[in-house]
Amino acid sequence: LPDLPYFGLDLHQQPINWGSGLYAVY
């Protein structure tokens, strides 16, 4: 999967907390 375009420490910003639906869009 491609790297996310930002860095953040909040839970919703961490790649491990992104699921298939969001990654499909990205």
mmCIF file of all heavy atoms, coordinates in Angstrom:
data_MODEL
# 
_entry.id   MODEL 
# 
loop_
_atom_site.group_PDB 
_atom_site.id 
_atom_site.type_symbol 
_atom_site.label_atom_id 
_atom_site.label_alt_id 
_atom_site.label_comp_id 
_atom_site.label_asym_id 
_atom_site.label_entity_id 
_atom_site.label_seq_id 
_atom_site.pdbx_PDB_ins_code 
_atom_site.Cartn_x 
_atom_site.Cartn_y 
_atom_site.Cartn_z 
_atom_site.occupancy 
_atom_site.B_iso_or_equiv 
_atom_site.pdbx_formal_charge 
_atom_site.auth_seq_id 
_atom_site.auth_comp_id 
_atom_site.auth_asym_id 
_atom_site.auth_atom_id 
_atom_site.pdbx_PDB_model_num 
ATOM 1   N N   . LEU A 1 1  ? 0.827   -1.198 0.000  1.00 0.00 ? 1  LEU A N   1 
ATOM 2   C CA  . LEU A 1 1  ? 0.000   0.000  0.000  1.00 0.00 ? 1  LEU A CA  1 
ATOM 3   C C   . LEU A 1 1  ? 0.864   1.252  0.000  1.00 0.00 ? 1  LEU A C   1 
ATOM 4   O O   . LEU A 1 1  ? 1.937   1.272  0.610  1.00 0.00 ? 1  LEU A O   1 
ATOM 5   C CB  . LEU A 1 1  ? -0.911  0.000  1.228  1.00 0.00 ? 1  LEU A CB  1 
ATOM 6   C CG  . LEU A 1 1  ? -2.032  -1.037 1.209  1.00 0.00 ? 1  LEU A CG  1 
ATOM 7   C CD1 . LEU A 1 1  ? -2.613  -1.214 2.605  1.00 0.00 ? 1  LEU A CD1 1 
ATOM 8   C CD2 . LEU A 1 1  ? -3.123  -0.618 0.225  1.00 0.00 ? 1  LEU A CD2 1 
ATOM 9   N N   . PRO A 1 2  ? 0.408   2.307  -0.666 1.00 0.00 ? 2  PRO A N   1 
ATOM 10  C CA  . PRO A 1 2  ? 1.217   3.541  -0.717 1.00 0.00 ? 2  PRO A CA  1 
ATOM 11  C C   . PRO A 1 2  ? 1.298   4.220  0.647  1.00 0.00 ? 2  PRO A C   1 
ATOM 12  O O   . PRO A 1 2  ? 0.395   4.104  1.485  1.00 0.00 ? 2  PRO A O   1 
ATOM 13  C CB  . PRO A 1 2  ? 0.447   4.410  -1.724 1.00 0.00 ? 2  PRO A CB  1 
ATOM 14  C CG  . PRO A 1 2  ? -0.957  3.896  -1.684 1.00 0.00 ? 2  PRO A CG  1 
ATOM 15  C CD  . PRO A 1 2  ? -0.844  2.415  -1.430 1.00 0.00 ? 2  PRO A CD  1 
ATOM 16  N N   . ASP A 1 3  ? 2.401   4.937  0.841  1.00 0.00 ? 3  ASP A N   1 
ATOM 17  C CA  . ASP A 1 3  ? 2.573   5.701  2.074  1.00 0.00 ? 3  ASP A CA  1 
ATOM 18  C C   . ASP A 1 3  ? 1.574   6.848  2.122  1.00 0.00 ? 3  ASP A C   1 
ATOM 19  O O   . ASP A 1 3  ? 1.275   7.479  1.100  1.00 0.00 ? 3  ASP A O   1 
ATOM 20  C CB  . ASP A 1 3  ? 3.989   6.266  2.159  1.00 0.00 ? 3  ASP A CB  1 
ATOM 21  C CG  . ASP A 1 3  ? 5.041   5.177  2.331  1.00 0.00 ? 3  ASP A CG  1 
ATOM 22  O OD1 . ASP A 1 3  ? 4.713   4.119  2.902  1.00 0.00 ? 3  ASP A OD1 1 
ATOM 23  O OD2 . ASP A 1 3  ? 6.186   5.385  1.876  1.00 0.00 ? 3  ASP A OD2 1 
ATOM 24  N N   . LEU A 1 4  ? 1.064   7.137  3.314  1.00 0.00 ? 4  LEU A N   1 
ATOM 25  C CA  . LEU A 1 4  ? 0.138   8.252  3.476  1.00 0.00 ? 4  LEU A CA  1 
ATOM 26  C C   . LEU A 1 4  ? 0.882   9.578  3.316  1.00 0.00 ? 4  LEU A C   1 
ATOM 27  O O   . LEU A 1 4  ? 2.076   9.664  3.593  1.00 0.00 ? 4  LEU A O   1 
ATOM 28  C CB  . LEU A 1 4  ? -0.539  8.176  4.844  1.00 0.00 ? 4  LEU A CB  1 
ATOM 29  C CG  . LEU A 1 4  ? -1.436  6.942  5.057  1.00 0.00 ? 4  LEU A CG  1 
ATOM 30  C CD1 . LEU A 1 4  ? -1.984  6.934  6.483  1.00 0.00 ? 4  LEU A CD1 1 
ATOM 31  C CD2 . LEU A 1 4  ? -2.576  6.916  4.049  1.00 0.00 ? 4  LEU A CD2 1 
ATOM 32  N N   . PRO A 1 5  ? 0.165   10.634 2.888  1.00 0.00 ? 5  PRO A N   1 
ATOM 33  C CA  . PRO A 1 5  ? 0.840   11.887 2.506  1.00 0.00 ? 5  PRO A CA  1 
ATOM 34  C C   . PRO A 1 5  ? 1.082   12.852 3.661  1.00 0.00 ? 5  PRO A C   1 
ATOM 35  O O   . PRO A 1 5  ? 1.169   14.058 3.447  1.00 0.00 ? 5  PRO A O   1 
ATOM 36  C CB  . PRO A 1 5  ? -0.149  12.482 1.503  1.00 0.00 ? 5  PRO A CB  1 
ATOM 37  C CG  . PRO A 1 5  ? -1.482  12.054 2.020  1.00 0.00 ? 5  PRO A CG  1 
ATOM 38  C CD  . PRO A 1 5  ? -1.271  10.658 2.558  1.00 0.00 ? 5  PRO A CD  1 
ATOM 39  N N   . TYR A 1 6  ? 1.167   12.369 4.870  1.00 0.00 ? 6  TYR A N   1 
ATOM 40  C CA  . TYR A 1 6  ? 1.338   13.249 6.012  1.00 0.00 ? 6  TYR A CA  1 
ATOM 41  C C   . TYR A 1 6  ? 1.908   12.429 7.172  1.00 0.00 ? 6  TYR A C   1 
ATOM 42  O O   . TYR A 1 6  ? 1.973   11.207 7.114  1.00 0.00 ? 6  TYR A O   1 
ATOM 43  C CB  . TYR A 1 6  ? -0.012  13.869 6.439  1.00 0.00 ? 6  TYR A CB  1 
ATOM 44  C CG  . TYR A 1 6  ? -0.956  12.806 6.909  1.00 0.00 ? 6  TYR A CG  1 
ATOM 45  C CD1 . TYR A 1 6  ? -0.924  12.360 8.218  1.00 0.00 ? 6  TYR A CD1 1 
ATOM 46  C CD2 . TYR A 1 6  ? -1.819  12.181 6.021  1.00 0.00 ? 6  TYR A CD2 1 
ATOM 47  C CE1 . TYR A 1 6  ? -1.727  11.322 8.641  1.00 0.00 ? 6  TYR A CE1 1 
ATOM 48  C CE2 . TYR A 1 6  ? -2.616  11.147 6.436  1.00 0.00 ? 6  TYR A CE2 1 
ATOM 49  C CZ  . TYR A 1 6  ? -2.575  10.722 7.737  1.00 0.00 ? 6  TYR A CZ  1 
ATOM 50  O OH  . TYR A 1 6  ? -3.355  9.686  8.147  1.00 0.00 ? 6  TYR A OH  1 
ATOM 51  N N   . PHE A 1 7  ? 2.278   13.127 8.228  1.00 0.00 ? 7  PHE A N   1 
ATOM 52  C CA  . PHE A 1 7  ? 2.697   12.446 9.450  1.00 0.00 ? 7  PHE A CA  1 
ATOM 53  C C   . PHE A 1 7  ? 1.902   13.022 10.618 1.00 0.00 ? 7  PHE A C   1 
ATOM 54  O O   . PHE A 1 7  ? 1.726   14.232 10.728 1.00 0.00 ? 7  PHE A O   1 
ATOM 55  C CB  . PHE A 1 7  ? 4.194   12.642 9.714  1.00 0.00 ? 7  PHE A CB  1 
ATOM 56  C CG  . PHE A 1 7  ? 4.656   12.087 11.026 1.00 0.00 ? 7  PHE A CG  1 
ATOM 57  C CD1 . PHE A 1 7  ? 4.889   10.727 11.166 1.00 0.00 ? 7  PHE A CD1 1 
ATOM 58  C CD2 . PHE A 1 7  ? 4.815   12.909 12.129 1.00 0.00 ? 7  PHE A CD2 1 
ATOM 59  C CE1 . PHE A 1 7  ? 5.304   10.205 12.380 1.00 0.00 ? 7  PHE A CE1 1 
ATOM 60  C CE2 . PHE A 1 7  ? 5.230   12.399 13.345 1.00 0.00 ? 7  PHE A CE2 1 
ATOM 61  C CZ  . PHE A 1 7  ? 5.475   11.033 13.471 1.00 0.00 ? 7  PHE A CZ  1 
ATOM 62  N N   . GLY A 1 8  ? 1.397   12.158 11.481 1.00 0.00 ? 8  GLY A N   1 
ATOM 63  C CA  . GLY A 1 8  ? 0.652   12.620 12.642 1.00 0.00 ? 8  GLY A CA  1 
ATOM 64  C C   . GLY A 1 8  ? 0.683   11.575 13.741 1.00 0.00 ? 8  GLY A C   1 
ATOM 65  O O   . GLY A 1 8  ? 0.858   10.384 13.471 1.00 0.00 ? 8  GLY A O   1 
ATOM 66  N N   . LEU A 1 9  ? 0.499   12.023 14.978 1.00 0.00 ? 9  LEU A N   1 
ATOM 67  C CA  . LEU A 1 9  ? 0.573   11.123 16.123 1.00 0.00 ? 9  LEU A CA  1 
ATOM 68  C C   . LEU A 1 9  ? -0.793  10.698 16.640 1.00 0.00 ? 9  LEU A C   1 
ATOM 69  O O   . LEU A 1 9  ? -0.885  9.770  17.449 1.00 0.00 ? 9  LEU A O   1 
ATOM 70  C CB  . LEU A 1 9  ? 1.360   11.791 17.264 1.00 0.00 ? 9  LEU A CB  1 
ATOM 71  C CG  . LEU A 1 9  ? 2.835   12.107 16.946 1.00 0.00 ? 9  LEU A CG  1 
ATOM 72  C CD1 . LEU A 1 9  ? 3.478   12.819 18.133 1.00 0.00 ? 9  LEU A CD1 1 
ATOM 73  C CD2 . LEU A 1 9  ? 3.604   10.846 16.590 1.00 0.00 ? 9  LEU A CD2 1 
ATOM 74  N N   . ASP A 1 10 ? -1.857  11.361 16.187 1.00 0.00 ? 10 ASP A N   1 
ATOM 75  C CA  . ASP A 1 10 ? -3.195  10.972 16.626 1.00 0.00 ? 10 ASP A CA  1 
ATOM 76  C C   . ASP A 1 10 ? -3.545  9.595  16.059 1.00 0.00 ? 10 ASP A C   1 
ATOM 77  O O   . ASP A 1 10 ? -3.044  9.200  14.997 1.00 0.00 ? 10 ASP A O   1 
ATOM 78  C CB  . ASP A 1 10 ? -4.228  11.993 16.166 1.00 0.00 ? 10 ASP A CB  1 
ATOM 79  C CG  . ASP A 1 10 ? -4.094  13.315 16.911 1.00 0.00 ? 10 ASP A CG  1 
ATOM 80  O OD1 . ASP A 1 10 ? -3.468  13.319 17.992 1.00 0.00 ? 10 ASP A OD1 1 
ATOM 81  O OD2 . ASP A 1 10 ? -4.591  14.335 16.401 1.00 0.00 ? 10 ASP A OD2 1 
ATOM 82  N N   . LEU A 1 11 ? -4.409  8.890  16.748 1.00 0.00 ? 11 LEU A N   1 
ATOM 83  C CA  . LEU A 1 11 ? -4.743  7.523  16.333 1.00 0.00 ? 11 LEU A CA  1 
ATOM 84  C C   . LEU A 1 11 ? -5.263  7.469  14.906 1.00 0.00 ? 11 LEU A C   1 
ATOM 85  O O   . LEU A 1 11 ? -4.895  6.568  14.141 1.00 0.00 ? 11 LEU A O   1 
ATOM 86  C CB  . LEU A 1 11 ? -5.774  6.928  17.305 1.00 0.00 ? 11 LEU A CB  1 
ATOM 87  C CG  . LEU A 1 11 ? -5.260  6.546  18.698 1.00 0.00 ? 11 LEU A CG  1 
ATOM 88  C CD1 . LEU A 1 11 ? -6.408  6.047  19.564 1.00 0.00 ? 11 LEU A CD1 1 
ATOM 89  C CD2 . LEU A 1 11 ? -4.167  5.481  18.600 1.00 0.00 ? 11 LEU A CD2 1 
ATOM 90  N N   . HIS A 1 12 ? -6.121  8.408  14.520 1.00 0.00 ? 12 HIS A N   1 
ATOM 91  C CA  . HIS A 1 12 ? -6.706  8.354  13.181 1.00 0.00 ? 12 HIS A CA  1 
ATOM 92  C C   . HIS A 1 12 ? -5.700  8.697  12.087 1.00 0.00 ? 12 HIS A C   1 
ATOM 93  O O   . HIS A 1 12 ? -5.956  8.474  10.908 1.00 0.00 ? 12 HIS A O   1 
ATOM 94  C CB  . HIS A 1 12 ? -7.917  9.282  13.081 1.00 0.00 ? 12 HIS A CB  1 
ATOM 95  C CG  . HIS A 1 12 ? -7.567  10.739 13.051 1.00 0.00 ? 12 HIS A CG  1 
ATOM 96  N ND1 . HIS A 1 12 ? -7.283  11.460 14.179 1.00 0.00 ? 12 HIS A ND1 1 
ATOM 97  C CD2 . HIS A 1 12 ? -7.471  11.606 12.011 1.00 0.00 ? 12 HIS A CD2 1 
ATOM 98  C CE1 . HIS A 1 12 ? -7.018  12.715 13.854 1.00 0.00 ? 12 HIS A CE1 1 
ATOM 99  N NE2 . HIS A 1 12 ? -7.127  12.833 12.545 1.00 0.00 ? 12 HIS A NE2 1 
ATOM 100 N N   . GLN A 1 13 ? -4.534  9.221  12.478 1.00 0.00 ? 13 GLN A N   1 
ATOM 101 C CA  . GLN A 1 13 ? -3.510  9.585  11.506 1.00 0.00 ? 13 GLN A CA  1 
ATOM 102 C C   . GLN A 1 13 ? -2.508  8.463  11.255 1.00 0.00 ? 13 GLN A C   1 
ATOM 103 O O   . GLN A 1 13 ? -1.753  8.522  10.287 1.00 0.00 ? 13 GLN A O   1 
ATOM 104 C CB  . GLN A 1 13 ? -2.769  10.833 11.988 1.00 0.00 ? 13 GLN A CB  1 
ATOM 105 C CG  . GLN A 1 13 ? -3.656  12.071 12.081 1.00 0.00 ? 13 GLN A CG  1 
ATOM 106 C CD  . GLN A 1 13 ? -2.940  13.239 12.718 1.00 0.00 ? 13 GLN A CD  1 
ATOM 107 O OE1 . GLN A 1 13 ? -2.272  13.082 13.741 1.00 0.00 ? 13 GLN A OE1 1 
ATOM 108 N NE2 . GLN A 1 13 ? -3.058  14.414 12.128 1.00 0.00 ? 13 GLN A NE2 1 
ATOM 109 N N   . GLN A 1 14 ? -2.487  7.473  12.098 1.00 0.00 ? 14 GLN A N   1 
ATOM 110 C CA  . GLN A 1 14 ? -1.472  6.430  11.994 1.00 0.00 ? 14 GLN A CA  1 
ATOM 111 C C   . GLN A 1 14 ? -1.889  5.380  10.960 1.00 0.00 ? 14 GLN A C   1 
ATOM 112 O O   . GLN A 1 14 ? -3.025  4.900  10.970 1.00 0.00 ? 14 GLN A O   1 
ATOM 113 C CB  . GLN A 1 14 ? -1.250  5.796  13.360 1.00 0.00 ? 14 GLN A CB  1 
ATOM 114 C CG  . GLN A 1 14 ? -0.702  6.782  14.384 1.00 0.00 ? 14 GLN A CG  1 
ATOM 115 C CD  . GLN A 1 14 ? -0.668  6.219  15.785 1.00 0.00 ? 14 GLN A CD  1 
ATOM 116 O OE1 . GLN A 1 14 ? -0.760  5.019  15.987 1.00 0.00 ? 14 GLN A OE1 1 
ATOM 117 N NE2 . GLN A 1 14 ? -0.528  7.105  16.779 1.00 0.00 ? 14 GLN A NE2 1 
ATOM 118 N N   . PRO A 1 15 ? -0.980  4.998  10.077 1.00 0.00 ? 15 PRO A N   1 
ATOM 119 C CA  . PRO A 1 15 ? -1.325  4.071  8.990  1.00 0.00 ? 15 PRO A CA  1 
ATOM 120 C C   . PRO A 1 15 ? -1.959  2.757  9.451  1.00 0.00 ? 15 PRO A C   1 
ATOM 121 O O   . PRO A 1 15 ? -2.835  2.223  8.773  1.00 0.00 ? 15 PRO A O   1 
ATOM 122 C CB  . PRO A 1 15 ? 0.026   3.828  8.303  1.00 0.00 ? 15 PRO A CB  1 
ATOM 123 C CG  . PRO A 1 15 ? 0.815   5.059  8.584  1.00 0.00 ? 15 PRO A CG  1 
ATOM 124 C CD  . PRO A 1 15 ? 0.406   5.496  9.961  1.00 0.00 ? 15 PRO A CD  1 
ATOM 125 N N   . ILE A 1 16 ? -1.536  2.231  10.602 1.00 0.00 ? 16 ILE A N   1 
ATOM 126 C CA  . ILE A 1 16 ? -2.077  0.950  11.071 1.00 0.00 ? 16 ILE A CA  1 
ATOM 127 C C   . ILE A 1 16 ? -3.562  1.063  11.369 1.00 0.00 ? 16 ILE A C   1 
ATOM 128 O O   . ILE A 1 16 ? -4.281  0.052  11.392 1.00 0.00 ? 16 ILE A O   1 
ATOM 129 C CB  . ILE A 1 16 ? -1.299  0.454  12.313 1.00 0.00 ? 16 ILE A CB  1 
ATOM 130 C CG1 . ILE A 1 16 ? -1.622  -1.014 12.603 1.00 0.00 ? 16 ILE A CG1 1 
ATOM 131 C CG2 . ILE A 1 16 ? -1.569  1.328  13.511 1.00 0.00 ? 16 ILE A CG2 1 
ATOM 132 C CD1 . ILE A 1 16 ? -1.189  -1.981 11.534 1.00 0.00 ? 16 ILE A CD1 1 
ATOM 133 N N   . ASN A 1 17 ? -4.053  2.275  11.578 1.00 0.00 ? 17 ASN A N   1 
ATOM 134 C CA  . ASN A 1 17 ? -5.468  2.484  11.874 1.00 0.00 ? 17 ASN A CA  1 
ATOM 135 C C   . ASN A 1 17 ? -6.294  2.859  10.645 1.00 0.00 ? 17 ASN A C   1 
ATOM 136 O O   . ASN A 1 17 ? -7.467  3.179  10.777 1.00 0.00 ? 17 ASN A O   1 
ATOM 137 C CB  . ASN A 1 17 ? -5.616  3.555  12.962 1.00 0.00 ? 17 ASN A CB  1 
ATOM 138 C CG  . ASN A 1 17 ? -5.069  3.081  14.292 1.00 0.00 ? 17 ASN A CG  1 
ATOM 139 O OD1 . ASN A 1 17 ? -5.262  1.938  14.683 1.00 0.00 ? 17 ASN A OD1 1 
ATOM 140 N ND2 . ASN A 1 17 ? -4.343  3.953  14.989 1.00 0.00 ? 17 ASN A ND2 1 
ATOM 141 N N   . TRP A 1 18 ? -5.662  2.840  9.488  1.00 0.00 ? 18 TRP A N   1 
ATOM 142 C CA  . TRP A 1 18 ? -6.399  3.044  8.242  1.00 0.00 ? 18 TRP A CA  1 
ATOM 143 C C   . TRP A 1 18 ? -6.793  1.667  7.695  1.00 0.00 ? 18 TRP A C   1 
ATOM 144 O O   . TRP A 1 18 ? -5.951  0.792  7.531  1.00 0.00 ? 18 TRP A O   1 
ATOM 145 C CB  . TRP A 1 18 ? -5.531  3.781  7.218  1.00 0.00 ? 18 TRP A CB  1 
ATOM 146 C CG  . TRP A 1 18 ? -5.467  5.252  7.457  1.00 0.00 ? 18 TRP A CG  1 
ATOM 147 C CD1 . TRP A 1 18 ? -5.086  5.883  8.597  1.00 0.00 ? 18 TRP A CD1 1 
ATOM 148 C CD2 . TRP A 1 18 ? -5.804  6.285  6.526  1.00 0.00 ? 18 TRP A CD2 1 
ATOM 149 N NE1 . TRP A 1 18 ? -5.159  7.238  8.440  1.00 0.00 ? 18 TRP A NE1 1 
ATOM 150 C CE2 . TRP A 1 18 ? -5.601  7.517  7.168  1.00 0.00 ? 18 TRP A CE2 1 
ATOM 151 C CE3 . TRP A 1 18 ? -6.249  6.276  5.203  1.00 0.00 ? 18 TRP A CE3 1 
ATOM 152 C CZ2 . TRP A 1 18 ? -5.844  8.738  6.542  1.00 0.00 ? 18 TRP A CZ2 1 
ATOM 153 C CZ3 . TRP A 1 18 ? -6.480  7.489  4.568  1.00 0.00 ? 18 TRP A CZ3 1 
ATOM 154 C CH2 . TRP A 1 18 ? -6.286  8.703  5.235  1.00 0.00 ? 18 TRP A CH2 1 
ATOM 155 N N   . GLY A 1 19 ? -8.072  1.505  7.412  1.00 0.00 ? 19 GLY A N   1 
ATOM 156 C CA  . GLY A 1 19 ? -8.575  0.227  6.919  1.00 0.00 ? 19 GLY A CA  1 
ATOM 157 C C   . GLY A 1 19 ? -8.625  0.167  5.394  1.00 0.00 ? 19 GLY A C   1 
ATOM 158 O O   . GLY A 1 19 ? -8.239  1.111  4.689  1.00 0.00 ? 19 GLY A O   1 
ATOM 159 N N   . SER A 1 20 ? -9.137  -0.925 4.900  1.00 0.00 ? 20 SER A N   1 
ATOM 160 C CA  . SER A 1 20 ? -9.157  -1.160 3.457  1.00 0.00 ? 20 SER A CA  1 
ATOM 161 C C   . SER A 1 20 ? -9.982  -0.126 2.703  1.00 0.00 ? 20 SER A C   1 
ATOM 162 O O   . SER A 1 20 ? -9.631  0.275  1.581  1.00 0.00 ? 20 SER A O   1 
ATOM 163 C CB  . SER A 1 20 ? -9.694  -2.566 3.175  1.00 0.00 ? 20 SER A CB  1 
ATOM 164 O OG  . SER A 1 20 ? -8.869  -3.547 3.754  1.00 0.00 ? 20 SER A OG  1 
ATOM 165 N N   . GLY A 1 21 ? -11.106 0.301  3.283  1.00 0.00 ? 21 GLY A N   1 
ATOM 166 C CA  . GLY A 1 21 ? -11.952 1.272  2.596  1.00 0.00 ? 21 GLY A CA  1 
ATOM 167 C C   . GLY A 1 21 ? -11.255 2.579  2.331  1.00 0.00 ? 21 GLY A C   1 
ATOM 168 O O   . GLY A 1 21 ? -11.316 3.127  1.217  1.00 0.00 ? 21 GLY A O   1 
ATOM 169 N N   . LEU A 1 22 ? -10.571 3.111  3.340  1.00 0.00 ? 22 LEU A N   1 
ATOM 170 C CA  . LEU A 1 22 ? -9.823  4.367  3.161  1.00 0.00 ? 22 LEU A CA  1 
ATOM 171 C C   . LEU A 1 22 ? -8.640  4.171  2.238  1.00 0.00 ? 22 LEU A C   1 
ATOM 172 O O   . LEU A 1 22 ? -8.346  5.017  1.377  1.00 0.00 ? 22 LEU A O   1 
ATOM 173 C CB  . LEU A 1 22 ? -9.361  4.879  4.518  1.00 0.00 ? 22 LEU A CB  1 
ATOM 174 C CG  . LEU A 1 22 ? -10.257 5.861  5.265  1.00 0.00 ? 22 LEU A CG  1 
ATOM 175 C CD1 . LEU A 1 22 ? -10.432 7.174  4.523  1.00 0.00 ? 22 LEU A CD1 1 
ATOM 176 C CD2 . LEU A 1 22 ? -11.607 5.270  5.604  1.00 0.00 ? 22 LEU A CD2 1 
ATOM 177 N N   . TYR A 1 23 ? -7.940  3.048  2.394  1.00 0.00 ? 23 TYR A N   1 
ATOM 178 C CA  . TYR A 1 23 ? -6.792  2.798  1.518  1.00 0.00 ? 23 TYR A CA  1 
ATOM 179 C C   . TYR A 1 23 ? -7.220  2.562  0.064  1.00 0.00 ? 23 TYR A C   1 
ATOM 180 O O   . TYR A 1 23 ? -6.459  2.872  -0.862 1.00 0.00 ? 23 TYR A O   1 
ATOM 181 C CB  . TYR A 1 23 ? -5.969  1.617  2.023  1.00 0.00 ? 23 TYR A CB  1 
ATOM 182 C CG  . TYR A 1 23 ? -4.786  2.030  2.866  1.00 0.00 ? 23 TYR A CG  1 
ATOM 183 C CD1 . TYR A 1 23 ? -4.689  1.650  4.189  1.00 0.00 ? 23 TYR A CD1 1 
ATOM 184 C CD2 . TYR A 1 23 ? -3.754  2.790  2.326  1.00 0.00 ? 23 TYR A CD2 1 
ATOM 185 C CE1 . TYR A 1 23 ? -3.596  2.031  4.973  1.00 0.00 ? 23 TYR A CE1 1 
ATOM 186 C CE2 . TYR A 1 23 ? -2.661  3.168  3.095  1.00 0.00 ? 23 TYR A CE2 1 
ATOM 187 C CZ  . TYR A 1 23 ? -2.588  2.790  4.414  1.00 0.00 ? 23 TYR A CZ  1 
ATOM 188 O OH  . TYR A 1 23 ? -1.504  3.173  5.177  1.00 0.00 ? 23 TYR A OH  1 
ATOM 189 N N   . ALA A 1 24 ? -8.400  2.027  -0.156 1.00 0.00 ? 24 ALA A N   1 
ATOM 190 C CA  . ALA A 1 24 ? -8.888  1.880  -1.531 1.00 0.00 ? 24 ALA A CA  1 
ATOM 191 C C   . ALA A 1 24 ? -9.018  3.255  -2.188 1.00 0.00 ? 24 ALA A C   1 
ATOM 192 O O   . ALA A 1 24 ? -8.602  3.460  -3.335 1.00 0.00 ? 24 ALA A O   1 
ATOM 193 C CB  . ALA A 1 24 ? -10.228 1.150  -1.538 1.00 0.00 ? 24 ALA A CB  1 
ATOM 194 N N   . VAL A 1 25 ? -9.586  4.206  -1.444 1.00 0.00 ? 25 VAL A N   1 
ATOM 195 C CA  . VAL A 1 25 ? -9.736  5.565  -1.971 1.00 0.00 ? 25 VAL A CA  1 
ATOM 196 C C   . VAL A 1 25 ? -8.369  6.196  -2.208 1.00 0.00 ? 25 VAL A C   1 
ATOM 197 O O   . VAL A 1 25 ? -8.111  6.786  -3.268 1.00 0.00 ? 25 VAL A O   1 
ATOM 198 C CB  . VAL A 1 25 ? -10.575 6.424  -1.003 1.00 0.00 ? 25 VAL A CB  1 
ATOM 199 C CG1 . VAL A 1 25 ? -10.614 7.877  -1.472 1.00 0.00 ? 25 VAL A CG1 1 
ATOM 200 C CG2 . VAL A 1 25 ? -11.986 5.865  -0.904 1.00 0.00 ? 25 VAL A CG2 1 
ATOM 201 N N   . TYR A 1 26 ? -7.470  6.054  -1.240 1.00 0.00 ? 26 TYR A N   1 
ATOM 202 C CA  . TYR A 1 26 ? -6.151  6.668  -1.390 1.00 0.00 ? 26 TYR A CA  1 
ATOM 203 C C   . TYR A 1 26 ? -5.362  6.030  -2.538 1.00 0.00 ? 26 TYR A C   1 
ATOM 204 O O   . TYR A 1 26 ? -4.653  6.728  -3.278 1.00 0.00 ? 26 TYR A O   1 
ATOM 205 C CB  . TYR A 1 26 ? -5.375  6.556  -0.082 1.00 0.00 ? 26 TYR A CB  1 
ATOM 206 C CG  . TYR A 1 26 ? -4.011  7.202  -0.150 1.00 0.00 ? 26 TYR A CG  1 
ATOM 207 C CD1 . TYR A 1 26 ? -3.873  8.528  -0.566 1.00 0.00 ? 26 TYR A CD1 1 
ATOM 208 C CD2 . TYR A 1 26 ? -2.861  6.493  0.183  1.00 0.00 ? 26 TYR A CD2 1 
ATOM 209 C CE1 . TYR A 1 26 ? -2.615  9.120  -0.650 1.00 0.00 ? 26 TYR A CE1 1 
ATOM 210 C CE2 . TYR A 1 26 ? -1.617  7.086  0.104  1.00 0.00 ? 26 TYR A CE2 1 
ATOM 211 C CZ  . TYR A 1 26 ? -1.503  8.401  -0.311 1.00 0.00 ? 26 TYR A CZ  1 
ATOM 212 O OH  . TYR A 1 26 ? -0.261  8.983  -0.398 1.00 0.00 ? 26 TYR A OH  1 
# 
